[in-house]
Amino acid sequence: MKKGQSIIGVFLFLIIGIILVVGLLTVLFQTNSSNDKEKTEMKKESIHIVAIGDSLTEGVGDTTNSGGYVPLVANLLEETDNYKKITTSNYGKSGDRSDQILARFNENKAMQEDVEGADIVVLTVGGNDIIQTFKQNFLTIAEDSFIAPRETYEENLRMLFTAIKEVNPESELYIFGIYNPYSAYFPEITEMQTILKEWNNQTQEVVNETENATFVSIADLFDQTLIQEEKEEPLIDGTDQKKSEVKNPYLYEEDLFHPNEAGYELMAEILFQAIIK
């Protein structure tokens, strides 16, 4: 009798064990299925990027005429396999100052409607404000002469941020900082570095006041990157001499100011890292 009860007990124990294992596997399977479903839903998500700004948004220096950093960052996001589709709009206009970009946004209903449907808005603003001040001061660099223009720029930028957020409060806003393309060539001109640093600090302040806004710094990467390149030049006697030349691999050789293709790839990579952070 006891032996029969013992066998029954072992049998019941095995049955209960099997039920528990099956139950656990079912829960794990459902969890994995749920995670797979979430990943699938994430992959189906589409995002729209609107880029607004000056020549850096237009893509001046990009000899492929593809639009600078804009399509490049879209490609990087697509490669993550998290999005089904990335769409972009480019409202870059070479030479525009902050006041002109602000006016363009306020007057352009199509741009406003585009921003209304955007998930991400990216800006390049301020470089032409500095250039204008530089020209007005007869190409001299006096730090005091940049204070008033910087304050005007800050006011324009704040109004632009406000206008964008009024159209689309949920948008993620990114703004590139300003870089000095000549700092590595002329490191002795420290005044320009100071001016640009203060300009970027003003931009950072406006960003800090704005919800879902990010400052994307590119100053260090463009300012301090030089390579030594040797070239052979013919002499009068027909022989060649080697000449060492210093150049920035990220700048457009036609003006040594705007990024080239590699420079825009760099901008896209930095922006991409900021977006996925």
Protein backbone atom coordinates (compact mmCIF):
# COMPACT_ATOMS: atom_id res chain seq x y z
CA MET A 1 0.00 0.00 0.00
CA LYS A 2 2.76 2.37 1.01
CA LYS A 3 4.69 1.40 -2.09
CA GLY A 4 1.66 2.28 -4.25
CA GLN A 5 1.26 5.63 -2.51
CA SER A 6 4.96 6.34 -3.07
CA ILE A 7 4.65 5.64 -6.79
CA ILE A 8 1.56 7.86 -7.01
CA GLY A 9 3.44 10.64 -5.17
CA VAL A 10 6.38 10.47 -7.56
CA PHE A 11 3.99 10.47 -10.51
CA LEU A 12 2.13 13.54 -9.20
CA PHE A 13 5.46 15.29 -8.57
CA LEU A 14 6.52 14.66 -12.16
CA ILE A 15 3.17 15.89 -13.50
CA ILE A 16 3.40 19.10 -11.45
CA GLY A 17 6.99 19.60 -12.60
CA ILE A 18 6.01 19.20 -16.24
CA ILE A 19 3.14 21.68 -15.82
CA LEU A 20 5.49 24.24 -14.24
CA VAL A 21 8.08 23.84 -17.00
CA VAL A 22 5.45 24.14 -19.75
CA GLY A 23 3.99 27.21 -18.03
CA LEU A 24 7.40 28.83 -17.74
CA LEU A 25 8.22 28.15 -21.39
CA THR A 26 4.85 29.60 -22.42
CA VAL A 27 5.54 32.81 -20.49
CA LEU A 28 9.03 33.11 -21.99
CA PHE A 29 7.68 32.49 -25.49
CA GLN A 30 4.98 35.13 -25.04
CA THR A 31 7.57 37.61 -23.71
CA ASN A 32 9.88 36.97 -26.66
CA SER A 33 6.95 37.24 -29.06
CA SER A 34 5.98 40.53 -27.43
CA ASN A 35 9.56 41.84 -27.76
CA ASP A 36 9.71 40.70 -31.38
CA LYS A 37 6.42 42.47 -32.01
CA GLU A 38 7.73 45.67 -30.42
CA LYS A 39 10.90 45.48 -32.52
CA THR A 40 8.82 44.92 -35.65
CA GLU A 41 6.63 47.89 -34.79
CA MET A 42 9.75 50.00 -34.21
CA LYS A 43 11.12 49.00 -37.61
CA LYS A 44 7.87 50.10 -39.21
CA GLU A 45 8.19 53.61 -37.78
CA SER A 46 8.90 56.37 -40.31
CA ILE A 47 10.48 59.71 -39.42
CA HIS A 48 10.68 63.02 -41.26
CA ILE A 49 13.70 65.33 -40.96
CA VAL A 50 13.50 69.02 -41.88
CA ALA A 51 16.80 70.91 -42.26
CA ILE A 52 16.75 74.73 -42.15
CA GLY A 53 19.64 77.14 -42.37
CA ASP A 54 22.46 78.60 -44.43
CA SER A 55 25.08 77.20 -46.83
CA LEU A 56 25.98 74.34 -44.45
CA THR A 57 22.42 73.07 -44.76
CA GLU A 58 22.29 73.72 -48.50
CA GLY A 59 25.46 71.66 -48.85
CA VAL A 60 27.92 74.14 -50.38
CA GLY A 61 31.24 72.32 -50.81
CA ASP A 62 29.58 68.98 -51.50
CA THR A 63 30.70 68.38 -55.09
CA THR A 64 28.28 65.46 -55.42
CA ASN A 65 25.43 68.00 -55.12
CA SER A 66 23.59 65.58 -52.86
CA GLY A 67 22.68 68.11 -50.18
CA GLY A 68 25.52 67.94 -47.68
CA TYR A 69 24.90 66.25 -44.34
CA VAL A 70 21.11 65.87 -44.76
CA PRO A 71 20.93 62.70 -46.91
CA LEU A 72 23.97 61.29 -45.12
CA VAL A 73 22.37 61.36 -41.68
CA ALA A 74 19.21 59.86 -43.20
CA ASN A 75 21.29 56.97 -44.57
CA LEU A 76 22.91 56.40 -41.17
CA LEU A 77 19.51 56.23 -39.49
CA GLU A 78 18.20 53.81 -42.12
CA GLU A 79 21.20 51.54 -41.56
CA THR A 80 20.21 51.08 -37.91
CA ASP A 81 17.24 49.05 -39.19
CA ASN A 82 14.99 50.80 -36.65
CA TYR A 83 13.03 52.77 -39.21
CA LYS A 84 11.08 51.68 -42.22
CA LYS A 85 11.48 54.99 -44.01
CA ILE A 86 13.39 58.26 -43.54
CA THR A 87 12.21 61.33 -45.46
CA THR A 88 13.98 64.69 -45.57
CA SER A 89 13.38 68.29 -46.64
CA ASN A 90 16.20 70.78 -47.15
CA TYR A 91 15.57 74.52 -46.68
CA GLY A 92 19.20 75.62 -46.74
CA LYS A 93 20.05 78.92 -48.43
CA SER A 94 23.63 80.05 -48.87
CA GLY A 95 24.45 83.46 -47.37
CA ASP A 96 21.45 83.70 -45.04
CA ARG A 97 21.97 85.34 -41.65
CA SER A 98 19.88 84.50 -38.59
CA ASP A 99 17.41 87.33 -39.28
CA GLN A 100 16.94 86.14 -42.87
CA ILE A 101 16.40 82.52 -41.84
CA LEU A 102 13.84 83.68 -39.25
CA ALA A 103 12.03 85.84 -41.83
CA ARG A 104 12.06 83.01 -44.35
CA PHE A 105 10.47 80.64 -41.85
CA ASN A 106 7.79 83.15 -40.81
CA GLU A 107 6.89 83.93 -44.42
CA ASN A 108 7.08 80.45 -45.92
CA LYS A 109 3.84 78.57 -45.22
CA ALA A 110 5.10 75.45 -47.01
CA MET A 111 8.13 75.34 -44.70
CA GLN A 112 5.89 75.76 -41.65
CA GLU A 113 3.62 72.93 -42.79
CA ASP A 114 6.68 70.76 -43.38
CA VAL A 115 7.95 71.46 -39.86
CA GLU A 116 4.49 70.71 -38.48
CA GLY A 117 4.86 67.13 -39.72
CA ALA A 118 8.52 66.77 -38.79
CA ASP A 119 9.96 64.49 -36.12
CA ILE A 120 13.38 66.15 -36.26
CA VAL A 121 14.34 69.73 -37.17
CA VAL A 122 18.04 70.53 -37.75
CA LEU A 123 19.49 74.05 -37.95
CA THR A 124 22.72 75.70 -39.10
CA VAL A 125 22.55 79.39 -38.15
CA GLY A 126 24.93 82.21 -37.27
CA GLY A 127 27.97 81.83 -39.49
CA ASN A 128 26.91 84.61 -41.85
CA ASP A 129 26.14 86.93 -38.93
CA ILE A 130 29.81 86.66 -37.96
CA ILE A 131 30.99 87.16 -41.55
CA GLN A 132 28.84 90.29 -41.92
CA THR A 133 30.29 91.77 -38.71
CA PHE A 134 33.78 90.93 -39.88
CA LYS A 135 33.20 92.75 -43.19
CA GLN A 136 31.60 95.77 -41.51
CA ASN A 137 34.72 96.19 -39.39
CA PHE A 138 36.95 96.27 -42.47
CA LEU A 139 38.27 92.75 -41.89
CA THR A 140 39.67 93.59 -38.45
CA ILE A 141 39.02 91.41 -35.42
CA ALA A 142 38.00 93.41 -32.37
CA GLU A 143 36.14 91.33 -29.80
CA ASP A 144 34.03 94.29 -28.60
CA SER A 145 32.61 94.84 -32.08
CA PHE A 146 31.03 91.37 -32.00
CA ILE A 147 29.07 91.83 -28.75
CA ALA A 148 26.03 93.67 -30.18
CA PRO A 149 25.75 91.40 -33.27
CA ARG A 150 25.97 88.36 -31.00
CA GLU A 151 23.12 89.66 -28.84
CA THR A 152 21.05 90.30 -31.98
CA TYR A 153 21.83 86.78 -33.17
CA GLU A 154 20.74 85.35 -29.82
CA GLU A 155 17.43 87.22 -30.04
CA ASN A 156 16.84 86.00 -33.61
CA LEU A 157 17.70 82.43 -32.65
CA ARG A 158 15.36 82.51 -29.66
CA MET A 159 12.53 83.75 -31.88
CA LEU A 160 13.29 81.05 -34.46
CA PHE A 161 13.22 78.33 -31.79
CA THR A 162 9.93 79.71 -30.46
CA ALA A 163 8.39 79.85 -33.95
CA ILE A 164 9.39 76.25 -34.68
CA LYS A 165 8.07 74.99 -31.33
CA GLU A 166 4.79 76.87 -31.82
CA VAL A 167 4.28 75.01 -35.09
CA ASN A 168 5.45 71.65 -33.70
CA PRO A 169 5.98 71.46 -29.91
CA GLU A 170 6.88 67.75 -30.07
CA SER A 171 9.69 68.09 -32.59
CA GLU A 172 13.26 67.18 -31.65
CA LEU A 173 15.39 70.25 -32.39
CA TYR A 174 19.12 70.06 -33.19
CA ILE A 175 21.44 72.97 -33.98
CA PHE A 176 25.04 72.74 -35.15
CA GLY A 177 27.57 75.00 -33.51
CA ILE A 178 29.92 77.26 -35.46
CA TYR A 179 33.49 76.28 -36.30
CA ASN A 180 36.57 78.29 -37.27
CA PRO A 181 38.05 76.87 -40.49
CA TYR A 182 41.17 79.01 -40.14
CA SER A 183 42.19 78.26 -36.55
CA ALA A 184 44.56 75.45 -37.48
CA TYR A 185 46.14 77.52 -40.25
CA PHE A 186 46.42 80.69 -38.13
CA PRO A 187 46.51 79.60 -34.46
CA GLU A 188 48.03 82.96 -33.49
CA ILE A 189 44.69 84.71 -34.19
CA THR A 190 43.21 83.86 -30.80
CA GLU A 191 40.56 86.61 -30.92
CA MET A 192 38.50 84.72 -33.49
CA GLN A 193 38.56 81.59 -31.36
CA THR A 194 37.28 83.62 -28.40
CA ILE A 195 34.53 85.20 -30.50
CA LEU A 196 33.33 81.83 -31.82
CA LYS A 197 33.44 80.25 -28.38
CA GLU A 198 31.24 83.03 -26.96
CA TRP A 199 28.92 82.73 -29.97
CA ASN A 200 28.52 78.99 -29.38
CA ASN A 201 27.94 79.64 -25.67
CA GLN A 202 25.04 81.96 -26.57
CA THR A 203 23.59 79.23 -28.77
CA GLN A 204 23.95 76.72 -25.94
CA GLU A 205 22.02 79.07 -23.62
CA VAL A 206 19.07 79.24 -26.02
CA VAL A 207 19.18 75.44 -26.40
CA ASN A 208 19.12 75.00 -22.61
CA GLU A 209 15.95 77.11 -22.43
CA THR A 210 14.18 75.00 -25.07
CA GLU A 211 12.51 71.64 -24.49
CA ASN A 212 13.73 68.76 -26.68
CA ALA A 213 16.62 70.81 -28.09
CA THR A 214 20.24 69.69 -28.52
CA PHE A 215 23.43 71.61 -29.31
CA VAL A 216 25.69 69.70 -31.71
CA SER A 217 29.30 70.87 -31.41
CA ILE A 218 31.63 70.48 -34.38
CA ALA A 219 34.19 73.17 -33.46
CA ASP A 220 36.97 70.93 -32.16
CA LEU A 221 36.76 68.48 -35.04
CA PHE A 222 36.99 71.12 -37.76
CA ASP A 223 39.37 73.47 -35.96
CA GLN A 224 42.24 71.18 -35.11
CA THR A 225 42.40 68.60 -37.90
CA LEU A 226 45.34 69.07 -40.27
CA ILE A 227 47.39 66.68 -42.37
CA GLN A 228 50.84 67.07 -43.90
CA GLU A 229 50.86 66.42 -47.63
CA GLU A 230 53.93 66.29 -49.87
CA LYS A 231 53.71 67.54 -53.45
CA GLU A 232 56.30 67.57 -56.23
CA GLU A 233 56.77 70.91 -58.01
CA PRO A 234 58.88 71.35 -61.18
CA LEU A 235 61.90 73.68 -61.03
CA ILE A 236 63.30 75.85 -63.84
CA ASP A 237 66.09 73.34 -64.53
CA GLY A 238 63.53 70.61 -65.16
CA THR A 239 64.02 68.77 -61.90
CA ASP A 240 61.34 68.32 -59.26
CA GLN A 241 61.39 69.36 -55.64
CA LYS A 242 59.19 68.05 -52.87
CA LYS A 243 57.12 70.66 -51.09
CA SER A 244 55.25 70.04 -47.86
CA GLU A 245 51.72 71.41 -47.67
CA VAL A 246 49.41 71.57 -44.66
CA LYS A 247 45.71 71.10 -45.32
CA ASN A 248 42.45 70.38 -43.55
CA PRO A 249 40.98 67.13 -44.99
CA TYR A 250 37.43 68.20 -44.12
CA LEU A 251 37.34 71.56 -45.93
CA TYR A 252 36.31 72.30 -49.51
CA GLU A 253 39.53 73.18 -51.37
CA GLU A 254 37.86 75.88 -53.49
CA ASP A 255 37.26 78.16 -50.50
CA LEU A 256 38.82 76.43 -47.44
CA PHE A 257 35.71 77.47 -45.56
CA HIS A 258 32.84 75.09 -46.24
CA PRO A 259 33.00 71.36 -45.51
CA ASN A 260 33.80 68.97 -48.35
CA GLU A 261 32.20 65.54 -48.71
CA ALA A 262 34.31 64.17 -45.85
CA GLY A 263 33.38 67.19 -43.74
CA TYR A 264 29.68 66.64 -44.30
CA GLU A 265 30.13 62.96 -43.48
CA LEU A 266 31.67 64.08 -40.20
CA MET A 267 28.74 66.41 -39.49
CA ALA A 268 26.27 63.63 -40.30
CA GLU A 269 28.04 61.17 -37.98
CA ILE A 270 28.07 63.63 -35.07
CA LEU A 271 24.40 64.48 -35.62
CA PHE A 272 23.55 60.77 -35.91
CA GLN A 273 25.21 60.05 -32.56
CA ALA A 274 23.26 62.91 -30.96
CA ILE A 275 19.96 61.59 -32.34
CA ILE A 276 20.40 57.97 -31.19
CA LYS A 277 21.87 58.94 -27.80
